[in-house]
Amino acid sequence: DLSAIARAHAAANQEALLEHARMGRSVCEWRDGKVVW
């Protein structure tokens, strides 16, 4: 079930991002061909 896999991946990604934010850490991502914090 690819949609279930996509939902699980999105939920895990959200929890990881929020965990970093709760610890006061910035994260980087790729936007418009550049790495941004």
PDB file of all heavy atoms in Angstrom:
ATOM      1  N   ASP A   1       0.862  -1.182   0.000  1.00  0.00           N
ATOM      2  CA  ASP A   1       0.000   0.000   0.000  1.00  0.00           C
ATOM      3  C   ASP A   1       0.901   1.234   0.000  1.00  0.00           C
ATOM      4  O   ASP A   1       1.381   1.671   1.045  1.00  0.00           O
ATOM      5  CB  ASP A   1      -0.907  -0.019   1.232  1.00  0.00           C
ATOM      6  CG  ASP A   1      -1.886   1.139   1.259  1.00  0.00           C
ATOM      7  OD1 ASP A   1      -1.834   2.001   0.364  1.00  0.00           O
ATOM      8  OD2 ASP A   1      -2.711   1.175   2.189  1.00  0.00           O
ATOM      9  N   LEU A   2       1.150   1.765  -1.185  1.00  0.00           N
ATOM     10  CA  LEU A   2       2.088   2.873  -1.316  1.00  0.00           C
ATOM     11  C   LEU A   2       1.620   4.133  -0.600  1.00  0.00           C
ATOM     12  O   LEU A   2       2.430   4.884  -0.075  1.00  0.00           O
ATOM     13  CB  LEU A   2       2.358   3.164  -2.795  1.00  0.00           C
ATOM     14  CG  LEU A   2       3.011   2.022  -3.576  1.00  0.00           C
ATOM     15  CD1 LEU A   2       3.225   2.410  -5.026  1.00  0.00           C
ATOM     16  CD2 LEU A   2       4.314   1.596  -2.930  1.00  0.00           C
ATOM     17  N   SER A   3       0.325   4.353  -0.546  1.00  0.00           N
ATOM     18  CA  SER A   3      -0.164   5.545   0.155  1.00  0.00           C
ATOM     19  C   SER A   3       0.067   5.419   1.663  1.00  0.00           C
ATOM     20  O   SER A   3       0.379   6.397   2.334  1.00  0.00           O
ATOM     21  CB  SER A   3      -1.638   5.807  -0.147  1.00  0.00           C
ATOM     22  OG  SER A   3      -2.437   4.732   0.283  1.00  0.00           O
ATOM     23  N   ALA A   4      -0.054   4.206   2.198  1.00  0.00           N
ATOM     24  CA  ALA A   4       0.222   3.995   3.626  1.00  0.00           C
ATOM     25  C   ALA A   4       1.707   4.201   3.912  1.00  0.00           C
ATOM     26  O   ALA A   4       2.072   4.776   4.941  1.00  0.00           O
ATOM     27  CB  ALA A   4      -0.212   2.598   4.051  1.00  0.00           C
ATOM     28  N   ILE A   5       2.551   3.755   2.997  1.00  0.00           N
ATOM     29  CA  ILE A   5       3.990   3.962   3.161  1.00  0.00           C
ATOM     30  C   ILE A   5       4.312   5.447   3.132  1.00  0.00           C
ATOM     31  O   ILE A   5       5.092   5.947   3.947  1.00  0.00           O
ATOM     32  CB  ILE A   5       4.767   3.199   2.073  1.00  0.00           C
ATOM     33  CG1 ILE A   5       4.598   1.690   2.282  1.00  0.00           C
ATOM     34  CG2 ILE A   5       6.245   3.589   2.072  1.00  0.00           C
ATOM     35  CD1 ILE A   5       5.105   0.843   1.135  1.00  0.00           C
ATOM     36  N   ALA A   6       3.709   6.183   2.210  1.00  0.00           N
ATOM     37  CA  ALA A   6       3.948   7.627   2.108  1.00  0.00           C
ATOM     38  C   ALA A   6       3.475   8.350   3.368  1.00  0.00           C
ATOM     39  O   ALA A   6       4.151   9.265   3.856  1.00  0.00           O
ATOM     40  CB  ALA A   6       3.252   8.194   0.876  1.00  0.00           C
ATOM     41  N   ARG A   7       2.314   7.945   3.909  1.00  0.00           N
ATOM     42  CA  ARG A   7       1.812   8.566   5.145  1.00  0.00           C
ATOM     43  C   ARG A   7       2.747   8.288   6.316  1.00  0.00           C
ATOM     44  O   ARG A   7       3.034   9.175   7.123  1.00  0.00           O
ATOM     45  CB  ARG A   7       0.396   8.081   5.457  1.00  0.00           C
ATOM     46  CG  ARG A   7      -0.671   8.652   4.556  1.00  0.00           C
ATOM     47  CD  ARG A   7      -2.080   8.342   5.057  1.00  0.00           C
ATOM     48  NE  ARG A   7      -2.306   6.929   5.324  1.00  0.00           N
ATOM     49  CZ  ARG A   7      -2.715   6.038   4.425  1.00  0.00           C
ATOM     50  NH1 ARG A   7      -2.935   6.412   3.186  1.00  0.00           N
ATOM     51  NH2 ARG A   7      -2.912   4.771   4.767  1.00  0.00           N
ATOM     52  N   ALA A   8       3.234   7.067   6.418  1.00  0.00           N
ATOM     53  CA  ALA A   8       4.149   6.707   7.510  1.00  0.00           C
ATOM     54  C   ALA A   8       5.454   7.487   7.386  1.00  0.00           C
ATOM     55  O   ALA A   8       5.997   7.967   8.391  1.00  0.00           O
ATOM     56  CB  ALA A   8       4.430   5.213   7.496  1.00  0.00           C
ATOM     57  N   HIS A   9       5.946   7.648   6.176  1.00  0.00           N
ATOM     58  CA  HIS A   9       7.180   8.406   5.953  1.00  0.00           C
ATOM     59  C   HIS A   9       6.978   9.870   6.327  1.00  0.00           C
ATOM     60  O   HIS A   9       7.823  10.472   6.993  1.00  0.00           O
ATOM     61  CB  HIS A   9       7.615   8.278   4.492  1.00  0.00           C
ATOM     62  CG  HIS A   9       8.888   8.961   4.198  1.00  0.00           C
ATOM     63  ND1 HIS A   9       8.938  10.214   3.629  1.00  0.00           N
ATOM     64  CD2 HIS A   9      10.180   8.602   4.416  1.00  0.00           C
ATOM     65  CE1 HIS A   9      10.198  10.573   3.502  1.00  0.00           C
ATOM     66  NE2 HIS A   9      10.973   9.621   3.977  1.00  0.00           N
ATOM     67  N   ALA A  10       5.860  10.461   5.927  1.00  0.00           N
ATOM     68  CA  ALA A  10       5.578  11.857   6.252  1.00  0.00           C
ATOM     69  C   ALA A  10       5.457  12.050   7.767  1.00  0.00           C
ATOM     70  O   ALA A  10       5.962  13.034   8.316  1.00  0.00           O
ATOM     71  CB  ALA A  10       4.296  12.313   5.550  1.00  0.00           C
ATOM     72  N   ALA A  11       4.802  11.119   8.449  1.00  0.00           N
ATOM     73  CA  ALA A  11       4.640  11.226   9.902  1.00  0.00           C
ATOM     74  C   ALA A  11       5.992  11.111  10.606  1.00  0.00           C
ATOM     75  O   ALA A  11       6.278  11.856  11.550  1.00  0.00           O
ATOM     76  CB  ALA A  11       3.687  10.144  10.413  1.00  0.00           C
ATOM     77  N   ALA A  12       6.845  10.197  10.151  1.00  0.00           N
ATOM     78  CA  ALA A  12       8.169  10.043  10.754  1.00  0.00           C
ATOM     79  C   ALA A  12       9.026  11.278  10.506  1.00  0.00           C
ATOM     80  O   ALA A  12       9.749  11.736  11.402  1.00  0.00           O
ATOM     81  CB  ALA A  12       8.852   8.800  10.192  1.00  0.00           C
ATOM     82  N   ASN A  13       8.931  11.834   9.305  1.00  0.00           N
ATOM     83  CA  ASN A  13       9.686  13.041   8.979  1.00  0.00           C
ATOM     84  C   ASN A  13       9.224  14.214   9.849  1.00  0.00           C
ATOM     85  O   ASN A  13      10.042  14.962  10.391  1.00  0.00           O
ATOM     86  CB  ASN A  13       9.517  13.369   7.500  1.00  0.00           C
ATOM     87  CG  ASN A  13      10.427  14.469   7.046  1.00  0.00           C
ATOM     88  OD1 ASN A  13      11.623  14.443   7.309  1.00  0.00           O
ATOM     89  ND2 ASN A  13       9.868  15.452   6.371  1.00  0.00           N
ATOM     90  N   GLN A  14       7.908  14.359  10.006  1.00  0.00           N
ATOM     91  CA  GLN A  14       7.371  15.433  10.837  1.00  0.00           C
ATOM     92  C   GLN A  14       7.858  15.291  12.277  1.00  0.00           C
ATOM     93  O   GLN A  14       8.301  16.272  12.881  1.00  0.00           O
ATOM     94  CB  GLN A  14       5.849  15.424  10.802  1.00  0.00           C
ATOM     95  CG  GLN A  14       5.221  16.460  11.712  1.00  0.00           C
ATOM     96  CD  GLN A  14       3.700  16.443  11.652  1.00  0.00           C
ATOM     97  OE1 GLN A  14       3.110  15.904  10.725  1.00  0.00           O
ATOM     98  NE2 GLN A  14       3.066  17.034  12.638  1.00  0.00           N
ATOM     99  N   GLU A  15       7.800  14.091  12.818  1.00  0.00           N
ATOM    100  CA  GLU A  15       8.221  13.887  14.205  1.00  0.00           C
ATOM    101  C   GLU A  15       9.708  14.176  14.372  1.00  0.00           C
ATOM    102  O   GLU A  15      10.122  14.773  15.370  1.00  0.00           O
ATOM    103  CB  GLU A  15       7.892  12.466  14.661  1.00  0.00           C
ATOM    104  CG  GLU A  15       8.187  12.236  16.121  1.00  0.00           C
ATOM    105  CD  GLU A  15       7.532  13.249  17.055  1.00  0.00           C
ATOM    106  OE1 GLU A  15       6.376  13.650  16.819  1.00  0.00           O
ATOM    107  OE2 GLU A  15       8.201  13.651  18.035  1.00  0.00           O
ATOM    108  N   ALA A  16      10.523  13.789  13.397  1.00  0.00           N
ATOM    109  CA  ALA A  16      11.960  14.064  13.477  1.00  0.00           C
ATOM    110  C   ALA A  16      12.226  15.568  13.436  1.00  0.00           C
ATOM    111  O   ALA A  16      13.041  16.092  14.210  1.00  0.00           O
ATOM    112  CB  ALA A  16      12.698  13.362  12.344  1.00  0.00           C
ATOM    113  N   LEU A  17      11.543  16.283  12.546  1.00  0.00           N
ATOM    114  CA  LEU A  17      11.722  17.741  12.470  1.00  0.00           C
ATOM    115  C   LEU A  17      11.288  18.417  13.765  1.00  0.00           C
ATOM    116  O   LEU A  17      11.982  19.301  14.282  1.00  0.00           O
ATOM    117  CB  LEU A  17      10.939  18.314  11.291  1.00  0.00           C
ATOM    118  CG  LEU A  17      11.507  18.028   9.910  1.00  0.00           C
ATOM    119  CD1 LEU A  17      10.526  18.470   8.838  1.00  0.00           C
ATOM    120  CD2 LEU A  17      12.847  18.716   9.726  1.00  0.00           C
ATOM    121  N   LEU A  18      10.138  18.007  14.297  1.00  0.00           N
ATOM    122  CA  LEU A  18       9.648  18.620  15.537  1.00  0.00           C
ATOM    123  C   LEU A  18      10.564  18.296  16.718  1.00  0.00           C
ATOM    124  O   LEU A  18      10.764  19.141  17.590  1.00  0.00           O
ATOM    125  CB  LEU A  18       8.217  18.169  15.818  1.00  0.00           C
ATOM    126  CG  LEU A  18       7.165  18.755  14.875  1.00  0.00           C
ATOM    127  CD1 LEU A  18       5.806  18.111  15.112  1.00  0.00           C
ATOM    128  CD2 LEU A  18       7.079  20.265  15.009  1.00  0.00           C
ATOM    129  N   GLU A  19      11.138  17.111  16.737  1.00  0.00           N
ATOM    130  CA  GLU A  19      12.064  16.755  17.813  1.00  0.00           C
ATOM    131  C   GLU A  19      13.293  17.663  17.777  1.00  0.00           C
ATOM    132  O   GLU A  19      13.736  18.168  18.806  1.00  0.00           O
ATOM    133  CB  GLU A  19      12.487  15.299  17.676  1.00  0.00           C
ATOM    134  CG  GLU A  19      13.395  14.830  18.788  1.00  0.00           C
ATOM    135  CD  GLU A  19      13.741  13.350  18.670  1.00  0.00           C
ATOM    136  OE1 GLU A  19      13.001  12.611  17.995  1.00  0.00           O
ATOM    137  OE2 GLU A  19      14.753  12.964  19.251  1.00  0.00           O
ATOM    138  N   HIS A  20      13.820  17.895  16.589  1.00  0.00           N
ATOM    139  CA  HIS A  20      14.963  18.806  16.462  1.00  0.00           C
ATOM    140  C   HIS A  20      14.576  20.221  16.907  1.00  0.00           C
ATOM    141  O   HIS A  20      15.335  20.887  17.614  1.00  0.00           O
ATOM    142  CB  HIS A  20      15.475  18.842  15.020  1.00  0.00           C
ATOM    143  CG  HIS A  20      16.394  17.716  14.690  1.00  0.00           C
ATOM    144  ND1 HIS A  20      17.730  17.739  14.996  1.00  0.00           N
ATOM    145  CD2 HIS A  20      16.161  16.536  14.084  1.00  0.00           C
ATOM    146  CE1 HIS A  20      18.285  16.616  14.584  1.00  0.00           C
ATOM    147  NE2 HIS A  20      17.346  15.864  14.037  1.00  0.00           N
ATOM    148  N   ALA A  21      13.399  20.670  16.481  1.00  0.00           N
ATOM    149  CA  ALA A  21      12.955  22.021  16.839  1.00  0.00           C
ATOM    150  C   ALA A  21      12.769  22.154  18.347  1.00  0.00           C
ATOM    151  O   ALA A  21      13.145  23.171  18.930  1.00  0.00           O
ATOM    152  CB  ALA A  21      11.656  22.352  16.100  1.00  0.00           C
ATOM    153  N   ARG A  22      12.205  21.129  18.993  1.00  0.00           N
ATOM    154  CA  ARG A  22      12.015  21.177  20.452  1.00  0.00           C
ATOM    155  C   ARG A  22      13.346  21.275  21.191  1.00  0.00           C
ATOM    156  O   ARG A  22      13.416  21.840  22.272  1.00  0.00           O
ATOM    157  CB  ARG A  22      11.263  19.926  20.921  1.00  0.00           C
ATOM    158  CG  ARG A  22       9.801  19.935  20.581  1.00  0.00           C
ATOM    159  CD  ARG A  22       9.098  18.705  21.170  1.00  0.00           C
ATOM    160  NE  ARG A  22       7.886  18.444  20.449  1.00  0.00           N
ATOM    161  CZ  ARG A  22       7.681  17.404  19.624  1.00  0.00           C
ATOM    162  NH1 ARG A  22       8.630  16.499  19.457  1.00  0.00           N
ATOM    163  NH2 ARG A  22       6.539  17.259  18.993  1.00  0.00           N
ATOM    164  N   MET A  23      14.399  20.732  20.596  1.00  0.00           N
ATOM    165  CA  MET A  23      15.719  20.807  21.210  1.00  0.00           C
ATOM    166  C   MET A  23      16.454  22.087  20.820  1.00  0.00           C
ATOM    167  O   MET A  23      17.601  22.286  21.205  1.00  0.00           O
ATOM    168  CB  MET A  23      16.551  19.586  20.814  1.00  0.00           C
ATOM    169  CG  MET A  23      16.033  18.300  21.423  1.00  0.00           C
ATOM    170  SD  MET A  23      17.102  16.882  21.120  1.00  0.00           S
ATOM    171  CE  MET A  23      16.792  16.578  19.404  1.00  0.00           C
ATOM    172  N   GLY A  24      15.777  22.945  20.038  1.00  0.00           N
ATOM    173  CA  GLY A  24      16.376  24.217  19.647  1.00  0.00           C
ATOM    174  C   GLY A  24      17.351  24.109  18.488  1.00  0.00           C
ATOM    175  O   GLY A  24      18.133  25.025  18.246  1.00  0.00           O
ATOM    176  N   ARG A  25      17.322  23.025  17.771  1.00  0.00           N
ATOM    177  CA  ARG A  25      18.240  22.804  16.660  1.00  0.00           C
ATOM    178  C   ARG A  25      17.607  23.197  15.331  1.00  0.00           C
ATOM    179  O   ARG A  25      16.461  22.862  15.057  1.00  0.00           O
ATOM    180  CB  ARG A  25      18.636  21.339  16.571  1.00  0.00           C
ATOM    181  CG  ARG A  25      19.385  20.827  17.756  1.00  0.00           C
ATOM    182  CD  ARG A  25      19.691  19.370  17.531  1.00  0.00           C
ATOM    183  NE  ARG A  25      20.382  18.807  18.679  1.00  0.00           N
ATOM    184  CZ  ARG A  25      20.522  17.518  18.866  1.00  0.00           C
ATOM    185  NH1 ARG A  25      20.020  16.659  17.996  1.00  0.00           N
ATOM    186  NH2 ARG A  25      21.160  17.074  19.929  1.00  0.00           N
ATOM    187  N   SER A  26      18.374  23.857  14.509  1.00  0.00           N
ATOM    188  CA  SER A  26      17.956  24.109  13.135  1.00  0.00           C
ATOM    189  C   SER A  26      18.255  22.868  12.315  1.00  0.00           C
ATOM    190  O   SER A  26      19.101  22.048  12.683  1.00  0.00           O
ATOM    191  CB  SER A  26      18.723  25.303  12.556  1.00  0.00           C
ATOM    192  OG  SER A  26      18.422  26.473  13.261  1.00  0.00           O
ATOM    193  N   VAL A  27      17.562  22.722  11.201  1.00  0.00           N
ATOM    194  CA  VAL A  27      17.831  21.630  10.267  1.00  0.00           C
ATOM    195  C   VAL A  27      18.028  22.233   8.884  1.00  0.00           C
ATOM    196  O   VAL A  27      17.605  23.356   8.618  1.00  0.00           O
ATOM    197  CB  VAL A  27      16.685  20.591  10.236  1.00  0.00           C
ATOM    198  CG1 VAL A  27      16.536  19.903  11.569  1.00  0.00           C
ATOM    199  CG2 VAL A  27      15.390  21.221   9.815  1.00  0.00           C
ATOM    200  N   CYS A  28      18.679  21.492   8.025  1.00  0.00           N
ATOM    201  CA  CYS A  28      18.874  22.000   6.672  1.00  0.00           C
ATOM    202  C   CYS A  28      17.992  21.224   5.706  1.00  0.00           C
ATOM    203  O   CYS A  28      17.605  20.094   5.950  1.00  0.00           O
ATOM    204  CB  CYS A  28      20.347  21.926   6.264  1.00  0.00           C
ATOM    205  SG  CYS A  28      21.024  20.267   6.246  1.00  0.00           S
ATOM    206  N   GLU A  29      17.638  21.897   4.610  1.00  0.00           N
ATOM    207  CA  GLU A  29      16.904  21.252   3.536  1.00  0.00           C
ATOM    208  C   GLU A  29      17.332  21.863   2.213  1.00  0.00           C
ATOM    209  O   GLU A  29      17.985  22.907   2.183  1.00  0.00           O
ATOM    210  CB  GLU A  29      15.392  21.344   3.741  1.00  0.00           C
ATOM    211  CG  GLU A  29      14.777  22.693   3.527  1.00  0.00           C
ATOM    212  CD  GLU A  29      13.264  22.683   3.721  1.00  0.00           C
ATOM    213  OE1 GLU A  29      12.718  21.741   4.325  1.00  0.00           O
ATOM    214  OE2 GLU A  29      12.632  23.634   3.268  1.00  0.00           O
ATOM    215  N   TRP A  30      16.975  21.219   1.140  1.00  0.00           N
ATOM    216  CA  TRP A  30      17.343  21.641  -0.194  1.00  0.00           C
ATOM    217  C   TRP A  30      16.192  22.471  -0.774  1.00  0.00           C
ATOM    218  O   TRP A  30      15.062  21.989  -0.844  1.00  0.00           O
ATOM    219  CB  TRP A  30      17.589  20.399  -1.052  1.00  0.00           C
ATOM    220  CG  TRP A  30      18.145  20.666  -2.392  1.00  0.00           C
ATOM    221  CD1 TRP A  30      17.451  20.704  -3.565  1.00  0.00           C
ATOM    222  CD2 TRP A  30      19.513  20.894  -2.722  1.00  0.00           C
ATOM    223  NE1 TRP A  30      18.313  20.940  -4.592  1.00  0.00           N
ATOM    224  CE2 TRP A  30      19.591  21.065  -4.102  1.00  0.00           C
ATOM    225  CE3 TRP A  30      20.679  20.977  -1.969  1.00  0.00           C
ATOM    226  CZ2 TRP A  30      20.788  21.312  -4.758  1.00  0.00           C
ATOM    227  CZ3 TRP A  30      21.860  21.221  -2.623  1.00  0.00           C
ATOM    228  CH2 TRP A  30      21.911  21.380  -3.999  1.00  0.00           C
ATOM    229  N   ARG A  31      16.470  23.726  -1.141  1.00  0.00           N
ATOM    230  CA  ARG A  31      15.463  24.610  -1.747  1.00  0.00           C
ATOM    231  C   ARG A  31      16.074  25.335  -2.929  1.00  0.00           C
ATOM    232  O   ARG A  31      17.111  25.985  -2.802  1.00  0.00           O
ATOM    233  CB  ARG A  31      15.013  25.683  -0.757  1.00  0.00           C
ATOM    234  CG  ARG A  31      13.945  25.276   0.175  1.00  0.00           C
ATOM    235  CD  ARG A  31      13.403  26.496   0.887  1.00  0.00           C
ATOM    236  NE  ARG A  31      12.844  26.105   2.163  1.00  0.00           N
ATOM    237  CZ  ARG A  31      12.592  26.936   3.146  1.00  0.00           C
ATOM    238  NH1 ARG A  31      12.879  28.208   3.024  1.00  0.00           N
ATOM    239  NH2 ARG A  31      12.073  26.499   4.268  1.00  0.00           N
ATOM    240  N   ASP A  32      15.429  25.251  -4.043  1.00  0.00           N
ATOM    241  CA  ASP A  32      15.836  25.992  -5.245  1.00  0.00           C
ATOM    242  C   ASP A  32      17.320  25.804  -5.556  1.00  0.00           C
ATOM    243  O   ASP A  32      18.042  26.753  -5.860  1.00  0.00           O
ATOM    244  CB  ASP A  32      15.520  27.485  -5.094  1.00  0.00           C
ATOM    245  CG  ASP A  32      14.035  27.738  -4.871  1.00  0.00           C
ATOM    246  OD1 ASP A  32      13.224  27.029  -5.497  1.00  0.00           O
ATOM    247  OD2 ASP A  32      13.699  28.631  -4.078  1.00  0.00           O
ATOM    248  N   GLY A  33      17.791  24.591  -5.426  1.00  0.00           N
ATOM    249  CA  GLY A  33      19.170  24.290  -5.766  1.00  0.00           C
ATOM    250  C   GLY A  33      20.197  24.699  -4.726  1.00  0.00           C
ATOM    251  O   GLY A  33      21.394  24.702  -5.007  1.00  0.00           O
ATOM    252  N   LYS A  34      19.729  25.040  -3.533  1.00  0.00           N
ATOM    253  CA  LYS A  34      20.652  25.462  -2.476  1.00  0.00           C
ATOM    254  C   LYS A  34      20.276  24.782  -1.163  1.00  0.00           C
ATOM    255  O   LYS A  34      19.128  24.437  -0.941  1.00  0.00           O
ATOM    256  CB  LYS A  34      20.579  26.971  -2.254  1.00  0.00           C
ATOM    257  CG  LYS A  34      20.984  27.792  -3.441  1.00  0.00           C
ATOM    258  CD  LYS A  34      20.813  29.264  -3.135  1.00  0.00           C
ATOM    259  CE  LYS A  34      21.104  30.076  -4.388  1.00  0.00           C
ATOM    260  NZ  LYS A  34      20.858  31.487  -4.175  1.00  0.00           N
ATOM    261  N   VAL A  35      21.264  24.633  -0.290  1.00  0.00           N
ATOM    262  CA  VAL A  35      21.016  24.144   1.062  1.00  0.00           C
ATOM    263  C   VAL A  35      20.676  25.349   1.927  1.00  0.00           C
ATOM    264  O   VAL A  35      21.412  26.335   1.941  1.00  0.00           O
ATOM    265  CB  VAL A  35      22.249  23.417   1.630  1.00  0.00           C
ATOM    266  CG1 VAL A  35      22.024  23.023   3.075  1.00  0.00           C
ATOM    267  CG2 VAL A  35      22.574  22.190   0.787  1.00  0.00           C
ATOM    268  N   VAL A  36      19.536  25.286   2.601  1.00  0.00           N
ATOM    269  CA  VAL A  36      19.139  26.380   3.495  1.00  0.00           C
ATOM    270  C   VAL A  36      18.863  25.805   4.881  1.00  0.00           C
ATOM    271  O   VAL A  36      18.437  24.662   5.026  1.00  0.00           O
ATOM    272  CB  VAL A  36      17.891  27.132   2.977  1.00  0.00           C
ATOM    273  CG1 VAL A  36      18.183  27.846   1.678  1.00  0.00           C
ATOM    274  CG2 VAL A  36      16.717  26.203   2.792  1.00  0.00           C
ATOM    275  N   TRP A  37      19.135  26.603   5.900  1.00  0.00           N
ATOM    276  CA  TRP A  37      18.895  26.202   7.280  1.00  0.00           C
ATOM    277  C   TRP A  37      17.518  26.676   7.714  1.00  0.00           C
ATOM    278  O   TRP A  37      17.147  27.825   7.485  1.00  0.00           O
ATOM    279  CB  TRP A  37      19.976  26.762   8.199  1.00  0.00           C
ATOM    280  CG  TRP A  37      21.244  26.001   8.034  1.00  0.00           C
ATOM    281  CD1 TRP A  37      22.279  26.300   7.196  1.00  0.00           C
ATOM    282  CD2 TRP A  37      21.595  24.787   8.684  1.00  0.00           C
ATOM    283  NE1 TRP A  37      23.244  25.347   7.293  1.00  0.00           N
ATOM    284  CE2 TRP A  37      22.870  24.403   8.207  1.00  0.00           C
ATOM    285  CE3 TRP A  37      20.971  23.984   9.636  1.00  0.00           C
ATOM    286  CZ2 TRP A  37      23.510  23.258   8.639  1.00  0.00           C
ATOM    287  CZ3 TRP A  37      21.620  22.848  10.073  1.00  0.00           C
ATOM    288  CH2 TRP A  37      22.873  22.489   9.576  1.00  0.00           C
TER     289      TRP A  37
END
